[in-house]
Amino acid sequence: MRRYNRRRAKFAVTVRAAGSRVEGSIHLDTGDLSEGGAFLVSELLFEVGETLELEIPLPLGRTIKLSGKVVRVSGTREGETPAGMGIEFVQLAPADRRALAGALITAGIGTRKAPTS
């Protein structure tokens, strides 16, 4: 059972593999988002259990930085959600969590739940 309700939300996210010596990053979008995690839409899938470093720019100019763990991956099948990864936020400062919750409300998506599976 989820601690936070996920909401349909499209936010840009910069993703890096934690501890990677490679300087590069990829840019993905969220399919849904909450204060506790996100679904990142992507054909490029990391492994379950892998830790990622994420940066999420919020609408009012603040960018939150956090660590997340891949908890599930899904490929594309007809009639299913798009390919991507379920991410559980493992290190998110309380102030950043509040800022994220506020951004979801400000964007007008703070009260709608994403479908549960």
Protein backbone atom coordinates (compact mmCIF):
# COMPACT_ATOMS: atom_id res chain seq x y z
CA MET A 1 0.00 0.00 0.00
CA ARG A 2 1.32 3.43 -0.92
CA ARG A 3 1.89 6.06 1.71
CA TYR A 4 1.19 8.88 -0.77
CA ASN A 5 -1.43 8.98 -3.51
CA ARG A 6 0.09 9.28 -6.95
CA ARG A 7 -1.38 11.75 -9.38
CA ARG A 8 -1.18 11.98 -13.14
CA ALA A 9 1.47 14.61 -13.69
CA LYS A 10 3.98 15.43 -16.38
CA PHE A 11 7.15 16.93 -14.91
CA ALA A 12 10.58 16.88 -16.56
CA VAL A 13 13.18 14.84 -14.66
CA THR A 14 16.95 14.64 -15.10
CA VAL A 15 18.19 11.14 -14.22
CA ARG A 16 21.67 9.85 -13.41
CA ALA A 17 22.73 6.44 -12.14
CA ALA A 18 23.90 6.92 -8.55
CA GLY A 19 27.63 6.42 -8.11
CA SER A 20 28.19 6.39 -11.86
CA ARG A 21 31.51 7.71 -13.08
CA VAL A 22 29.83 8.80 -16.29
CA GLU A 23 29.00 12.51 -16.31
CA GLY A 24 25.99 12.15 -18.60
CA SER A 25 22.34 12.22 -17.69
CA ILE A 26 19.05 11.52 -19.43
CA HIS A 27 15.89 13.59 -19.46
CA LEU A 28 12.57 11.83 -18.89
CA ASP A 29 9.01 12.81 -18.04
CA THR A 30 6.87 11.58 -15.20
CA GLY A 31 3.64 9.76 -15.98
CA ASP A 32 2.51 10.07 -12.40
CA LEU A 33 4.03 11.60 -9.31
CA SER A 34 3.62 11.86 -5.55
CA GLU A 35 5.64 12.98 -2.58
CA GLY A 36 6.88 9.40 -2.26
CA GLY A 37 7.69 8.35 -5.79
CA ALA A 38 7.08 8.59 -9.51
CA PHE A 39 6.56 6.62 -12.67
CA LEU A 40 9.14 7.69 -15.27
CA VAL A 41 8.08 7.13 -18.87
CA SER A 42 11.00 5.65 -20.79
CA GLU A 43 11.97 2.95 -23.26
CA LEU A 44 15.39 2.91 -21.55
CA LEU A 45 14.89 0.91 -18.36
CA PHE A 46 17.21 0.67 -15.37
CA GLU A 47 17.33 -2.50 -13.26
CA VAL A 48 15.00 -3.07 -10.30
CA GLY A 49 16.92 -2.15 -7.15
CA GLU A 50 19.16 0.35 -8.91
CA THR A 51 19.55 3.74 -7.19
CA LEU A 52 19.15 6.88 -9.29
CA GLU A 53 19.88 10.54 -8.66
CA LEU A 54 16.97 12.71 -9.81
CA GLU A 55 16.47 16.43 -10.35
CA ILE A 56 12.92 17.74 -10.76
CA PRO A 57 12.42 21.40 -11.70
CA LEU A 58 9.21 22.70 -10.11
CA PRO A 59 6.97 25.33 -11.74
CA LEU A 60 8.02 28.27 -9.53
CA GLY A 61 11.72 27.91 -10.31
CA ARG A 62 12.84 25.60 -7.49
CA THR A 63 14.61 22.36 -8.42
CA ILE A 64 14.55 19.46 -6.01
CA LYS A 65 17.35 16.89 -5.95
CA LEU A 66 16.78 13.44 -4.52
CA SER A 67 17.68 9.77 -4.64
CA GLY A 68 15.24 7.16 -5.80
CA LYS A 69 15.21 3.39 -6.11
CA VAL A 70 13.77 1.54 -9.10
CA VAL A 71 11.03 -0.67 -7.65
CA ARG A 72 9.43 -1.89 -10.87
CA VAL A 73 9.87 -1.74 -14.63
CA SER A 74 7.29 -2.25 -17.32
CA GLY A 75 7.57 -2.65 -21.06
CA THR A 76 5.01 -1.54 -23.60
CA ARG A 77 2.17 -3.91 -24.40
CA GLU A 78 -1.00 -3.08 -26.24
CA GLY A 79 -3.58 -1.63 -23.85
CA GLU A 80 -1.09 -1.13 -21.00
CA THR A 81 0.61 1.88 -19.58
CA PRO A 82 3.64 3.16 -21.47
CA ALA A 83 7.06 1.64 -20.86
CA GLY A 84 8.85 3.00 -17.85
CA MET A 85 9.96 2.60 -14.26
CA GLY A 86 8.35 2.97 -10.87
CA ILE A 87 10.67 4.97 -8.60
CA GLU A 88 10.46 5.12 -4.81
CA PHE A 89 12.03 8.27 -3.36
CA VAL A 90 14.54 7.20 -0.70
CA GLN A 91 16.18 10.51 0.14
CA LEU A 92 13.97 13.58 -0.08
CA ALA A 93 14.35 16.40 2.40
CA PRO A 94 11.11 17.35 4.23
CA ALA A 95 11.20 20.88 2.75
CA ASP A 96 11.56 19.42 -0.76
CA ARG A 97 8.69 16.98 -0.09
CA ARG A 98 6.47 19.94 0.91
CA ALA A 99 7.59 21.90 -2.18
CA LEU A 100 6.71 18.93 -4.41
CA ALA A 101 3.29 18.55 -2.77
CA GLY A 102 2.70 22.28 -3.25
CA ALA A 103 3.74 22.10 -6.91
CA LEU A 104 1.25 19.30 -7.54
CA ILE A 105 -1.53 21.36 -5.97
CA THR A 106 -0.47 24.56 -7.78
CA ALA A 107 -0.45 22.68 -11.09
CA GLY A 108 -4.07 21.74 -10.43
CA ILE A 109 -3.37 18.06 -10.05
CA GLY A 110 -3.20 17.78 -6.30
CA THR A 111 -6.53 16.06 -5.84
CA ARG A 112 -6.69 13.53 -8.67
CA LYS A 113 -5.37 10.04 -8.13
CA ALA A 114 -3.61 8.01 -10.77
CA PRO A 115 -5.18 4.62 -11.46
CA THR A 116 -3.89 1.88 -9.18
CA SER A 117 -2.77 -1.45 -10.47
